[in-house]
Amino acid sequence: MGQKKKHKKSLAEKLKGMGPAAIVTSAFVGPGTITTTTLAGVNFKYSLLWAILFSGLSLVVLMEMAGRIGIISNHDIAEAATASFSNKKLAGIIIKSVIVVTLFATAFGLEAGNLIADH
């Protein structure tokens, strides 16, 4: 009697709700990524298509979650992660070091792809 009918969201409404996550995700695609994925496509045909779809969807989910954490806690990911540890200074150093190493590794990988694309 007093039950409300649930509104089922359309695909367009779901995509609209993702907001900046899709924009940030698209920023990761560069010439190195295009070259690497093209070479993978040439060598492996369609057998690696699942990896592209999975990584793209995973990246959208990751960016959406990071955005939610930032909006709700008013902190970046590193600050939000260190908040749960008792030794916040040590945890902050470890987490930020891991982030810096990851960023450098990513940058080197992107540059390697750019160099491959140039030759």
PDB file of N, CA and C in Angstrom:
ATOM      1  N   MET A   1       0.803  -1.188   0.000  1.00  0.00           N
ATOM      2  CA  MET A   1       0.000   0.000   0.000  1.00  0.00           C
ATOM      3  C   MET A   1       0.852   1.261   0.000  1.00  0.00           C
ATOM      4  N   GLY A   2       1.652   1.440   1.024  1.00  0.00           N
ATOM      5  CA  GLY A   2       2.440   2.654   1.158  1.00  0.00           C
ATOM      6  C   GLY A   2       3.841   2.513   0.583  1.00  0.00           C
ATOM      7  N   GLN A   3       4.021   1.539  -0.320  1.00  0.00           N
ATOM      8  CA  GLN A   3       5.358   1.328  -0.868  1.00  0.00           C
ATOM      9  C   GLN A   3       5.611   2.270  -2.031  1.00  0.00           C
ATOM     10  N   LYS A   4       6.828   2.806  -2.046  1.00  0.00           N
ATOM     11  CA  LYS A   4       7.226   3.649  -3.172  1.00  0.00           C
ATOM     12  C   LYS A   4       7.843   2.779  -4.252  1.00  0.00           C
ATOM     13  N   LYS A   5       7.602   3.156  -5.473  1.00  0.00           N
ATOM     14  CA  LYS A   5       8.211   2.462  -6.579  1.00  0.00           C
ATOM     15  C   LYS A   5       9.635   2.983  -6.750  1.00  0.00           C
ATOM     16  N   LYS A   6      10.599   2.071  -6.833  1.00  0.00           N
ATOM     17  CA  LYS A   6      11.992   2.478  -7.001  1.00  0.00           C
ATOM     18  C   LYS A   6      12.211   2.981  -8.421  1.00  0.00           C
ATOM     19  N   HIS A   7      12.875   4.128  -8.511  1.00  0.00           N
ATOM     20  CA  HIS A   7      13.210   4.691  -9.818  1.00  0.00           C
ATOM     21  C   HIS A   7      14.489   4.032 -10.312  1.00  0.00           C
ATOM     22  N   LYS A   8      14.414   3.363 -11.439  1.00  0.00           N
ATOM     23  CA  LYS A   8      15.589   2.731 -12.016  1.00  0.00           C
ATOM     24  C   LYS A   8      16.324   3.760 -12.872  1.00  0.00           C
ATOM     25  N   LYS A   9      17.609   3.965 -12.559  1.00  0.00           N
ATOM     26  CA  LYS A   9      18.397   4.963 -13.280  1.00  0.00           C
ATOM     27  C   LYS A   9      18.767   4.458 -14.664  1.00  0.00           C
ATOM     28  N   SER A  10      18.696   5.361 -15.617  1.00  0.00           N
ATOM     29  CA  SER A  10      19.119   5.022 -16.966  1.00  0.00           C
ATOM     30  C   SER A  10      20.642   5.096 -17.036  1.00  0.00           C
ATOM     31  N   LEU A  11      21.199   4.597 -18.126  1.00  0.00           N
ATOM     32  CA  LEU A  11      22.649   4.641 -18.307  1.00  0.00           C
ATOM     33  C   LEU A  11      23.145   6.080 -18.322  1.00  0.00           C
ATOM     34  N   ALA A  12      22.399   6.961 -18.960  1.00  0.00           N
ATOM     35  CA  ALA A  12      22.794   8.374 -19.015  1.00  0.00           C
ATOM     36  C   ALA A  12      22.826   8.989 -17.619  1.00  0.00           C
ATOM     37  N   GLU A  13      21.857   8.641 -16.778  1.00  0.00           N
ATOM     38  CA  GLU A  13      21.830   9.168 -15.406  1.00  0.00           C
ATOM     39  C   GLU A  13      22.996   8.627 -14.588  1.00  0.00           C
ATOM     40  N   LYS A  14      23.325   7.353 -14.794  1.00  0.00           N
ATOM     41  CA  LYS A  14      24.465   6.765 -14.085  1.00  0.00           C
ATOM     42  C   LYS A  14      25.770   7.429 -14.516  1.00  0.00           C
ATOM     43  N   LEU A  15      25.927   7.642 -15.818  1.00  0.00           N
ATOM     44  CA  LEU A  15      27.146   8.290 -16.315  1.00  0.00           C
ATOM     45  C   LEU A  15      27.245   9.728 -15.830  1.00  0.00           C
ATOM     46  N   LYS A  16      26.102  10.418 -15.769  1.00  0.00           N
ATOM     47  CA  LYS A  16      26.086  11.795 -15.280  1.00  0.00           C
ATOM     48  C   LYS A  16      26.508  11.857 -13.818  1.00  0.00           C
ATOM     49  N   GLY A  17      26.141  10.847 -13.049  1.00  0.00           N
ATOM     50  CA  GLY A  17      26.479  10.801 -11.633  1.00  0.00           C
ATOM     51  C   GLY A  17      27.956  10.564 -11.366  1.00  0.00           C
ATOM     52  N   MET A  18      28.676  10.062 -12.349  1.00  0.00           N
ATOM     53  CA  MET A  18      30.099   9.808 -12.157  1.00  0.00           C
ATOM     54  C   MET A  18      30.910  11.091 -12.184  1.00  0.00           C
ATOM     55  N   GLY A  19      30.402  12.100 -12.842  1.00  0.00           N
ATOM     56  CA  GLY A  19      31.033  13.418 -12.823  1.00  0.00           C
ATOM     57  C   GLY A  19      32.471  13.435 -13.295  1.00  0.00           C
ATOM     58  N   PRO A  20      33.348  14.036 -12.488  1.00  0.00           N
ATOM     59  CA  PRO A  20      34.727  14.254 -12.918  1.00  0.00           C
ATOM     60  C   PRO A  20      35.559  12.982 -13.032  1.00  0.00           C
ATOM     61  N   ALA A  21      35.085  11.861 -12.513  1.00  0.00           N
ATOM     62  CA  ALA A  21      35.878  10.633 -12.582  1.00  0.00           C
ATOM     63  C   ALA A  21      36.189  10.254 -14.027  1.00  0.00           C
ATOM     64  N   ALA A  22      35.207  10.374 -14.908  1.00  0.00           N
ATOM     65  CA  ALA A  22      35.434  10.032 -16.310  1.00  0.00           C
ATOM     66  C   ALA A  22      36.414  10.995 -16.962  1.00  0.00           C
ATOM     67  N   ILE A  23      36.370  12.264 -16.582  1.00  0.00           N
ATOM     68  CA  ILE A  23      37.288  13.256 -17.150  1.00  0.00           C
ATOM     69  C   ILE A  23      38.715  12.979 -16.694  1.00  0.00           C
ATOM     70  N   VAL A  24      38.895  12.709 -15.415  1.00  0.00           N
ATOM     71  CA  VAL A  24      40.232  12.421 -14.892  1.00  0.00           C
ATOM     72  C   VAL A  24      40.772  11.136 -15.498  1.00  0.00           C
ATOM     73  N   THR A  25      39.911  10.152 -15.662  1.00  0.00           N
ATOM     74  CA  THR A  25      40.333   8.892 -16.262  1.00  0.00           C
ATOM     75  C   THR A  25      40.841   9.113 -17.675  1.00  0.00           C
ATOM     76  N   SER A  26      40.177   9.943 -18.441  1.00  0.00           N
ATOM     77  CA  SER A  26      40.598  10.182 -19.820  1.00  0.00           C
ATOM     78  C   SER A  26      41.929  10.915 -19.898  1.00  0.00           C
ATOM     79  N   ALA A  27      42.352  11.565 -18.826  1.00  0.00           N
ATOM     80  CA  ALA A  27      43.627  12.284 -18.828  1.00  0.00           C
ATOM     81  C   ALA A  27      44.823  11.341 -18.829  1.00  0.00           C
ATOM     82  N   PHE A  28      44.621  10.068 -18.528  1.00  0.00           N
ATOM     83  CA  PHE A  28      45.725   9.115 -18.481  1.00  0.00           C
ATOM     84  C   PHE A  28      46.115   8.601 -19.857  1.00  0.00           C
ATOM     85  N   VAL A  29      45.323   8.857 -20.860  1.00  0.00           N
ATOM     86  CA  VAL A  29      45.602   8.341 -22.189  1.00  0.00           C
ATOM     87  C   VAL A  29      46.509   9.327 -22.919  1.00  0.00           C
ATOM     88  N   GLY A  30      47.679   8.843 -23.315  1.00  0.00           N
ATOM     89  CA  GLY A  30      48.641   9.670 -24.032  1.00  0.00           C
ATOM     90  C   GLY A  30      49.207   8.889 -25.205  1.00  0.00           C
ATOM     91  N   PRO A  31      50.206   9.458 -25.884  1.00  0.00           N
ATOM     92  CA  PRO A  31      50.777   8.774 -27.045  1.00  0.00           C
ATOM     93  C   PRO A  31      51.416   7.433 -26.695  1.00  0.00           C
ATOM     94  N   GLY A  32      52.010   7.344 -25.507  1.00  0.00           N
ATOM     95  CA  GLY A  32      52.606   6.071 -25.089  1.00  0.00           C
ATOM     96  C   GLY A  32      51.559   4.996 -24.898  1.00  0.00           C
ATOM     97  N   THR A  33      50.441   5.376 -24.320  1.00  0.00           N
ATOM     98  CA  THR A  33      49.352   4.424 -24.107  1.00  0.00           C
ATOM     99  C   THR A  33      48.789   3.954 -25.441  1.00  0.00           C
ATOM    100  N   ILE A  34      48.587   4.889 -26.349  1.00  0.00           N
ATOM    101  CA  ILE A  34      48.057   4.536 -27.671  1.00  0.00           C
ATOM    102  C   ILE A  34      49.016   3.598 -28.394  1.00  0.00           C
ATOM    103  N   THR A  35      50.325   3.915 -28.354  1.00  0.00           N
ATOM    104  CA  THR A  35      51.319   3.079 -29.028  1.00  0.00           C
ATOM    105  C   THR A  35      51.368   1.684 -28.429  1.00  0.00           C
ATOM    106  N   THR A  36      51.413   1.619 -27.115  1.00  0.00           N
ATOM    107  CA  THR A  36      51.504   0.324 -26.443  1.00  0.00           C
ATOM    108  C   THR A  36      50.282  -0.532 -26.722  1.00  0.00           C
ATOM    109  N   THR A  37      49.109   0.058 -26.633  1.00  0.00           N
ATOM    110  CA  THR A  37      47.895  -0.725 -26.873  1.00  0.00           C
ATOM    111  C   THR A  37      47.761  -1.118 -28.344  1.00  0.00           C
ATOM    112  N   THR A  38      48.244  -0.267 -29.242  1.00  0.00           N
ATOM    113  CA  THR A  38      48.214  -0.613 -30.664  1.00  0.00           C
ATOM    114  C   THR A  38      49.130  -1.798 -30.942  1.00  0.00           C
ATOM    115  N   LEU A  39      50.346  -1.759 -30.376  1.00  0.00           N
ATOM    116  CA  LEU A  39      51.277  -2.881 -30.556  1.00  0.00           C
ATOM    117  C   LEU A  39      50.726  -4.165 -29.942  1.00  0.00           C
ATOM    118  N   ALA A  40      50.093  -4.041 -28.790  1.00  0.00           N
ATOM    119  CA  ALA A  40      49.480  -5.221 -28.169  1.00  0.00           C
ATOM    120  C   ALA A  40      48.373  -5.768 -29.062  1.00  0.00           C
ATOM    121  N   GLY A  41      47.608  -4.875 -29.680  1.00  0.00           N
ATOM    122  CA  GLY A  41      46.545  -5.305 -30.582  1.00  0.00           C
ATOM    123  C   GLY A  41      47.082  -5.997 -31.818  1.00  0.00           C
ATOM    124  N   VAL A  42      48.190  -5.476 -32.354  1.00  0.00           N
ATOM    125  CA  VAL A  42      48.797  -6.087 -33.537  1.00  0.00           C
ATOM    126  C   VAL A  42      49.323  -7.481 -33.209  1.00  0.00           C
ATOM    127  N   ASN A  43      49.979  -7.600 -32.066  1.00  0.00           N
ATOM    128  CA  ASN A  43      50.609  -8.873 -31.711  1.00  0.00           C
ATOM    129  C   ASN A  43      49.640  -9.913 -31.153  1.00  0.00           C
ATOM    130  N   PHE A  44      48.620  -9.477 -30.423  1.00  0.00           N
ATOM    131  CA  PHE A  44      47.750 -10.431 -29.740  1.00  0.00           C
ATOM    132  C   PHE A  44      46.303 -10.398 -30.233  1.00  0.00           C
ATOM    133  N   LYS A  45      46.024  -9.610 -31.246  1.00  0.00           N
ATOM    134  CA  LYS A  45      44.675  -9.466 -31.810  1.00  0.00           C
ATOM    135  C   LYS A  45      43.676  -9.076 -30.717  1.00  0.00           C
ATOM    136  N   TYR A  46      42.572  -9.784 -30.597  1.00  0.00           N
ATOM    137  CA  TYR A  46      41.526  -9.417 -29.640  1.00  0.00           C
ATOM    138  C   TYR A  46      41.660 -10.122 -28.286  1.00  0.00           C
ATOM    139  N   SER A  47      42.699 -10.919 -28.097  1.00  0.00           N
ATOM    140  CA  SER A  47      42.801 -11.695 -26.855  1.00  0.00           C
ATOM    141  C   SER A  47      43.077 -10.826 -25.631  1.00  0.00           C
ATOM    142  N   LEU A  48      43.552  -9.594 -25.799  1.00  0.00           N
ATOM    143  CA  LEU A  48      43.811  -8.698 -24.668  1.00  0.00           C
ATOM    144  C   LEU A  48      42.750  -7.615 -24.501  1.00  0.00           C
ATOM    145  N   LEU A  49      41.679  -7.704 -25.263  1.00  0.00           N
ATOM    146  CA  LEU A  49      40.633  -6.689 -25.175  1.00  0.00           C
ATOM    147  C   LEU A  49      40.029  -6.615 -23.773  1.00  0.00           C
ATOM    148  N   TRP A  50      39.932  -7.752 -23.102  1.00  0.00           N
ATOM    149  CA  TRP A  50      39.395  -7.772 -21.738  1.00  0.00           C
ATOM    150  C   TRP A  50      40.232  -6.904 -20.809  1.00  0.00           C
ATOM    151  N   ALA A  51      41.553  -6.871 -21.002  1.00  0.00           N
ATOM    152  CA  ALA A  51      42.432  -6.098 -20.115  1.00  0.00           C
ATOM    153  C   ALA A  51      42.179  -4.604 -20.265  1.00  0.00           C
ATOM    154  N   ILE A  52      41.941  -4.156 -21.483  1.00  0.00           N
ATOM    155  CA  ILE A  52      41.672  -2.735 -21.717  1.00  0.00           C
ATOM    156  C   ILE A  52      40.348  -2.345 -21.068  1.00  0.00           C
ATOM    157  N   LEU A  53      39.336  -3.158 -21.265  1.00  0.00           N
ATOM    158  CA  LEU A  53      38.031  -2.867 -20.667  1.00  0.00           C
ATOM    159  C   LEU A  53      38.103  -2.891 -19.143  1.00  0.00           C
ATOM    160  N   PHE A  54      38.782  -3.900 -18.595  1.00  0.00           N
ATOM    161  CA  PHE A  54      38.892  -4.012 -17.143  1.00  0.00           C
ATOM    162  C   PHE A  54      39.669  -2.842 -16.552  1.00  0.00           C
ATOM    163  N   SER A  55      40.791  -2.480 -17.167  1.00  0.00           N
ATOM    164  CA  SER A  55      41.597  -1.387 -16.613  1.00  0.00           C
ATOM    165  C   SER A  55      40.873  -0.051 -16.734  1.00  0.00           C
ATOM    166  N   GLY A  56      40.163   0.160 -17.805  1.00  0.00           N
ATOM    167  CA  GLY A  56      39.405   1.404 -17.949  1.00  0.00           C
ATOM    168  C   GLY A  56      38.311   1.532 -16.908  1.00  0.00           C
ATOM    169  N   LEU A  57      37.550   0.464 -16.723  1.00  0.00           N
ATOM    170  CA  LEU A  57      36.492   0.487 -15.708  1.00  0.00           C
ATOM    171  C   LEU A  57      37.070   0.616 -14.300  1.00  0.00           C
ATOM    172  N   SER A  58      38.172  -0.077 -14.042  1.00  0.00           N
ATOM    173  CA  SER A  58      38.808   0.011 -12.723  1.00  0.00           C
ATOM    174  C   SER A  58      39.288   1.421 -12.436  1.00  0.00           C
ATOM    175  N   LEU A  59      39.838   2.068 -13.450  1.00  0.00           N
ATOM    176  CA  LEU A  59      40.331   3.432 -13.270  1.00  0.00           C
ATOM    177  C   LEU A  59      39.189   4.403 -12.984  1.00  0.00           C
ATOM    178  N   VAL A  60      38.071   4.224 -13.659  1.00  0.00           N
ATOM    179  CA  VAL A  60      36.908   5.081 -13.399  1.00  0.00           C
ATOM    180  C   VAL A  60      36.427   4.891 -11.965  1.00  0.00           C
ATOM    181  N   VAL A  61      36.343   3.632 -11.520  1.00  0.00           N
ATOM    182  CA  VAL A  61      35.899   3.350 -10.146  1.00  0.00           C
ATOM    183  C   VAL A  61      36.880   3.938  -9.136  1.00  0.00           C
ATOM    184  N   LEU A  62      38.181   3.773  -9.377  1.00  0.00           N
ATOM    185  CA  LEU A  62      39.199   4.309  -8.474  1.00  0.00           C
ATOM    186  C   LEU A  62      39.103   5.826  -8.356  1.00  0.00           C
ATOM    187  N   MET A  63      38.975   6.513  -9.472  1.00  0.00           N
ATOM    188  CA  MET A  63      38.889   7.975  -9.444  1.00  0.00           C
ATOM    189  C   MET A  63      37.602   8.446  -8.769  1.00  0.00           C
ATOM    190  N   GLU A  64      36.521   7.698  -8.989  1.00  0.00           N
ATOM    191  CA  GLU A  64      35.255   8.067  -8.358  1.00  0.00           C
ATOM    192  C   GLU A  64      35.349   7.919  -6.845  1.00  0.00           C
ATOM    193  N   MET A  65      35.979   6.832  -6.385  1.00  0.00           N
ATOM    194  CA  MET A  65      36.139   6.622  -4.940  1.00  0.00           C
ATOM    195  C   MET A  65      37.061   7.674  -4.333  1.00  0.00           C
ATOM    196  N   ALA A  66      38.145   7.992  -5.028  1.00  0.00           N
ATOM    197  CA  ALA A  66      39.066   9.013  -4.526  1.00  0.00           C
ATOM    198  C   ALA A  66      38.375  10.365  -4.435  1.00  0.00           C
ATOM    199  N   GLY A  67      37.540  10.667  -5.405  1.00  0.00           N
ATOM    200  CA  GLY A  67      36.781  11.916  -5.369  1.00  0.00           C
ATOM    201  C   GLY A  67      35.819  11.969  -4.203  1.00  0.00           C
ATOM    202  N   ARG A  68      35.146  10.856  -3.939  1.00  0.00           N
ATOM    203  CA  ARG A  68      34.216  10.807  -2.799  1.00  0.00           C
ATOM    204  C   ARG A  68      34.951  11.007  -1.482  1.00  0.00           C
ATOM    205  N   ILE A  69      36.099  10.348  -1.334  1.00  0.00           N
ATOM    206  CA  ILE A  69      36.878  10.498  -0.097  1.00  0.00           C
ATOM    207  C   ILE A  69      37.291  11.946   0.079  1.00  0.00           C
ATOM    208  N   GLY A  70      37.752  12.565  -0.992  1.00  0.00           N
ATOM    209  CA  GLY A  70      38.168  13.962  -0.916  1.00  0.00           C
ATOM    210  C   GLY A  70      37.031  14.900  -0.569  1.00  0.00           C
ATOM    211  N   ILE A  71      35.877  14.670  -1.154  1.00  0.00           N
ATOM    212  CA  ILE A  71      34.726  15.544  -0.898  1.00  0.00           C
ATOM    213  C   ILE A  71      34.203  15.364   0.522  1.00  0.00           C
ATOM    214  N   ILE A  72      34.086  14.118   0.957  1.00  0.00           N
ATOM    215  CA  ILE A  72      33.515  13.847   2.282  1.00  0.00           C
ATOM    216  C   ILE A  72      34.457  14.253   3.410  1.00  0.00           C
ATOM    217  N   SER A  73      35.748  13.873   3.292  1.00  0.00           N
ATOM    218  CA  SER A  73      36.678  14.115   4.399  1.00  0.00           C
ATOM    219  C   SER A  73      37.393  15.457   4.302  1.00  0.00           C
ATOM    220  N   ASN A  74      37.322  16.087   3.153  1.00  0.00           N
ATOM    221  CA  ASN A  74      38.030  17.346   2.915  1.00  0.00           C
ATOM    222  C   ASN A  74      39.545  17.167   3.026  1.00  0.00           C
ATOM    223  N   HIS A  75      40.023  15.947   2.752  1.00  0.00           N
ATOM    224  CA  HIS A  75      41.448  15.619   2.763  1.00  0.00           C
ATOM    225  C   HIS A  75      41.781  14.861   1.487  1.00  0.00           C
ATOM    226  N   ASP A  76      43.081  14.867   1.135  1.00  0.00           N
ATOM    227  CA  ASP A  76      43.476  14.033   0.008  1.00  0.00           C
ATOM    228  C   ASP A  76      43.587  12.579   0.481  1.00  0.00           C
ATOM    229  N   ILE A  77      43.901  11.674  -0.447  1.00  0.00           N
ATOM    230  CA  ILE A  77      43.929  10.248  -0.127  1.00  0.00           C
ATOM    231  C   ILE A  77      44.963   9.934   0.947  1.00  0.00           C
ATOM    232  N   ALA A  78      46.152  10.528   0.847  1.00  0.00           N
ATOM    233  CA  ALA A  78      47.209  10.250   1.826  1.00  0.00           C
ATOM    234  C   ALA A  78      46.797  10.696   3.225  1.00  0.00           C
ATOM    235  N   GLU A  79      46.207  11.871   3.340  1.00  0.00           N
ATOM    236  CA  GLU A  79      45.768  12.360   4.655  1.00  0.00           C
ATOM    237  C   GLU A  79      44.644  11.498   5.218  1.00  0.00           C
ATOM    238  N   ALA A  80      43.721  11.079   4.366  1.00  0.00           N
ATOM    239  CA  ALA A  80      42.620  10.233   4.824  1.00  0.00           C
ATOM    240  C   ALA A  80      43.134   8.863   5.269  1.00  0.00           C
ATOM    241  N   ALA A  81      44.154   8.336   4.581  1.00  0.00           N
ATOM    242  CA  ALA A  81      44.708   7.030   4.950  1.00  0.00           C
ATOM    243  C   ALA A  81      45.481   7.098   6.261  1.00  0.00           C
ATOM    244  N   THR A  82      46.208   8.175   6.491  1.00  0.00           N
ATOM    245  CA  THR A  82      46.994   8.283   7.727  1.00  0.00           C
ATOM    246  C   THR A  82      46.119   8.528   8.949  1.00  0.00           C
ATOM    247  N   ALA A  83      44.910   8.970   8.765  1.00  0.00           N
ATOM    248  CA  ALA A  83      44.029   9.273   9.897  1.00  0.00           C
ATOM    249  C   ALA A  83      43.692   8.038  10.728  1.00  0.00           C
ATOM    250  N   SER A  84      43.770   6.845  10.142  1.00  0.00           N
ATOM    251  CA  SER A  84      43.406   5.626  10.869  1.00  0.00           C
ATOM    252  C   SER A  84      44.569   4.997  11.637  1.00  0.00           C
ATOM    253  N   PHE A  85      45.776   5.531  11.510  1.00  0.00           N
ATOM    254  CA  PHE A  85      46.942   4.971  12.198  1.00  0.00           C
ATOM    255  C   PHE A  85      47.240   5.729  13.484  1.00  0.00           C
ATOM    256  N   SER A  86      47.805   5.015  14.466  1.00  0.00           N
ATOM    257  CA  SER A  86      48.145   5.670  15.734  1.00  0.00           C
ATOM    258  C   SER A  86      49.394   6.542  15.578  1.00  0.00           C
ATOM    259  N   ASN A  87      50.401   6.047  14.855  1.00  0.00           N
ATOM    260  CA  ASN A  87      51.611   6.830  14.601  1.00  0.00           C
ATOM    261  C   ASN A  87      51.439   7.526  13.252  1.00  0.00           C
ATOM    262  N   LYS A  88      50.765   8.641  13.271  1.00  0.00           N
ATOM    263  CA  LYS A  88      50.391   9.333  12.038  1.00  0.00           C
ATOM    264  C   LYS A  88      51.603   9.827  11.250  1.00  0.00           C
ATOM    265  N   LYS A  89      52.641  10.251  11.936  1.00  0.00           N
ATOM    266  CA  LYS A  89      53.816  10.778  11.244  1.00  0.00           C
ATOM    267  C   LYS A  89      54.510   9.675  10.438  1.00  0.00           C
ATOM    268  N   LEU A  90      54.749   8.513  11.065  1.00  0.00           N
ATOM    269  CA  LEU A  90      55.393   7.399  10.375  1.00  0.00           C
ATOM    270  C   LEU A  90      54.510   6.886   9.239  1.00  0.00           C
ATOM    271  N   ALA A  91      53.220   6.742   9.506  1.00  0.00           N
ATOM    272  CA  ALA A  91      52.295   6.278   8.471  1.00  0.00           C
ATOM    273  C   ALA A  91      52.269   7.255   7.304  1.00  0.00           C
ATOM    274  N   GLY A  92      52.286   8.549   7.604  1.00  0.00           N
ATOM    275  CA  GLY A  92      52.298   9.559   6.546  1.00  0.00           C
ATOM    276  C   GLY A  92      53.540   9.470   5.689  1.00  0.00           C
ATOM    277  N   ILE A  93      54.691   9.271   6.328  1.00  0.00           N
ATOM    278  CA  ILE A  93      55.947   9.155   5.577  1.00  0.00           C
ATOM    279  C   ILE A  93      55.915   7.924   4.675  1.00  0.00           C
ATOM    280  N   ILE A  94      55.458   6.796   5.213  1.00  0.00           N
ATOM    281  CA  ILE A  94      55.412   5.559   4.426  1.00  0.00           C
ATOM    282  C   ILE A  94      54.431   5.690   3.265  1.00  0.00           C
ATOM    283  N   ILE A  95      53.234   6.163   3.540  1.00  0.00           N
ATOM    284  CA  ILE A  95      52.216   6.279   2.489  1.00  0.00           C
ATOM    285  C   ILE A  95      52.645   7.270   1.415  1.00  0.00           C
ATOM    286  N   LYS A  96      53.162   8.408   1.818  1.00  0.00           N
ATOM    287  CA  LYS A  96      53.591   9.404   0.833  1.00  0.00           C
ATOM    288  C   LYS A  96      54.793   8.921   0.037  1.00  0.00           C
ATOM    289  N   SER A  97      55.684   8.133   0.651  1.00  0.00           N
ATOM    290  CA  SER A  97      56.818   7.563  -0.080  1.00  0.00           C
ATOM    291  C   SER A  97      56.342   6.579  -1.140  1.00  0.00           C
ATOM    292  N   VAL A  98      55.374   5.747  -0.779  1.00  0.00           N
ATOM    293  CA  VAL A  98      54.816   4.799  -1.746  1.00  0.00           C
ATOM    294  C   VAL A  98      54.158   5.548  -2.902  1.00  0.00           C
ATOM    295  N   ILE A  99      53.457   6.620  -2.593  1.00  0.00           N
ATOM    296  CA  ILE A  99      52.808   7.414  -3.640  1.00  0.00           C
ATOM    297  C   ILE A  99      53.844   8.028  -4.574  1.00  0.00           C
ATOM    298  N   VAL A 100      54.917   8.581  -4.018  1.00  0.00           N
ATOM    299  CA  VAL A 100      55.957   9.209  -4.844  1.00  0.00           C
ATOM    300  C   VAL A 100      56.632   8.172  -5.735  1.00  0.00           C
ATOM    301  N   VAL A 101      56.976   7.011  -5.187  1.00  0.00           N
ATOM    302  CA  VAL A 101      57.606   5.957  -5.985  1.00  0.00           C
ATOM    303  C   VAL A 101      56.665   5.505  -7.100  1.00  0.00           C
ATOM    304  N   THR A 102      55.387   5.363  -6.787  1.00  0.00           N
ATOM    305  CA  THR A 102      54.402   4.967  -7.795  1.00  0.00           C
ATOM    306  C   THR A 102      54.282   6.018  -8.894  1.00  0.00           C
ATOM    307  N   LEU A 103      54.273   7.282  -8.512  1.00  0.00           N
ATOM    308  CA  LEU A 103      54.193   8.353  -9.511  1.00  0.00           C
ATOM    309  C   LEU A 103      55.413   8.361 -10.422  1.00  0.00           C
ATOM    310  N   PHE A 104      56.605   8.178  -9.840  1.00  0.00           N
ATOM    311  CA  PHE A 104      57.813   8.134 -10.662  1.00  0.00           C
ATOM    312  C   PHE A 104      57.798   6.935 -11.601  1.00  0.00           C
ATOM    313  N   ALA A 105      57.382   5.775 -11.102  1.00  0.00           N
ATOM    314  CA  ALA A 105      57.315   4.585 -11.948  1.00  0.00           C
ATOM    315  C   ALA A 105      56.331   4.791 -13.095  1.00  0.00           C
ATOM    316  N   THR A 106      55.208   5.411 -12.806  1.00  0.00           N
ATOM    317  CA  THR A 106      54.221   5.701 -13.845  1.00  0.00           C
ATOM    318  C   THR A 106      54.776   6.679 -14.866  1.00  0.00           C
ATOM    319  N   ALA A 107      55.446   7.717 -14.382  1.00  0.00           N
ATOM    320  CA  ALA A 107      56.026   8.712 -15.293  1.00  0.00           C
ATOM    321  C   ALA A 107      57.079   8.077 -16.196  1.00  0.00           C
ATOM    322  N   PHE A 108      57.926   7.214 -15.627  1.00  0.00           N
ATOM    323  CA  PHE A 108      58.937   6.540 -16.441  1.00  0.00           C
ATOM    324  C   PHE A 108      58.284   5.645 -17.485  1.00  0.00           C
ATOM    325  N   GLY A 109      57.221   4.950 -17.098  1.00  0.00           N
ATOM    326  CA  GLY A 109      56.507   4.107 -18.048  1.00  0.00           C
ATOM    327  C   GLY A 109      55.887   4.909 -19.179  1.00  0.00           C
ATOM    328  N   LEU A 110      55.297   6.051 -18.837  1.00  0.00           N
ATOM    329  CA  LEU A 110      54.699   6.908 -19.867  1.00  0.00           C
ATOM    330  C   LEU A 110      55.764   7.468 -20.799  1.00  0.00           C
ATOM    331  N   GLU A 111      56.885   7.873 -20.238  1.00  0.00           N
ATOM    332  CA  GLU A 111      57.969   8.398 -21.072  1.00  0.00           C
ATOM    333  C   GLU A 111      58.550   7.314 -21.971  1.00  0.00           C
ATOM    334  N   ALA A 112      58.656   6.095 -21.458  1.00  0.00           N
ATOM    335  CA  ALA A 112      59.131   4.990 -22.291  1.00  0.00           C
ATOM    336  C   ALA A 112      58.182   4.778 -23.466  1.00  0.00           C
ATOM    337  N   GLY A 113      56.894   4.862 -23.205  1.00  0.00           N
ATOM    338  CA  GLY A 113      55.921   4.745 -24.290  1.00  0.00           C
ATOM    339  C   GLY A 113      56.041   5.873 -25.293  1.00  0.00           C
ATOM    340  N   ASN A 114      56.300   7.082 -24.806  1.00  0.00           N
ATOM    341  CA  ASN A 114      56.494   8.216 -25.712  1.00  0.00           C
ATOM    342  C   ASN A 114      57.733   8.025 -26.578  1.00  0.00           C
ATOM    343  N   LEU A 115      58.813   7.503 -25.984  1.00  0.00           N
ATOM    344  CA  LEU A 115      60.032   7.259 -26.756  1.00  0.00           C
ATOM    345  C   LEU A 115      59.810   6.182 -27.807  1.00  0.00           C
ATOM    346  N   ILE A 116      59.056   5.154 -27.455  1.00  0.00           N
ATOM    347  CA  ILE A 116      58.738   4.110 -28.428  1.00  0.00           C
ATOM    348  C   ILE A 116      57.902   4.700 -29.560  1.00  0.00           C
ATOM    349  N   ALA A 117      56.977   5.584 -29.215  1.00  0.00           N
ATOM    350  CA  ALA A 117      56.118   6.201 -30.233  1.00  0.00           C
ATOM    351  C   ALA A 117      56.917   7.080 -31.180  1.00  0.00           C
ATOM    352  N   ASP A 118      57.992   7.694 -30.684  1.00  0.00           N
ATOM    353  CA  ASP A 118      58.810   8.569 -31.526  1.00  0.00           C
ATOM    354  C   ASP A 118      59.649   7.795 -32.533  1.00  0.00           C
ATOM    355  N   HIS A 119      59.937   6.529 -32.232  1.00  0.00           N
ATOM    356  CA  HIS A 119      60.824   5.771 -33.126  1.00  0.00           C
ATOM    357  C   HIS A 119      60.058   4.819 -33.925  1.00  0.00           C
TER     358      HIS A 119
END
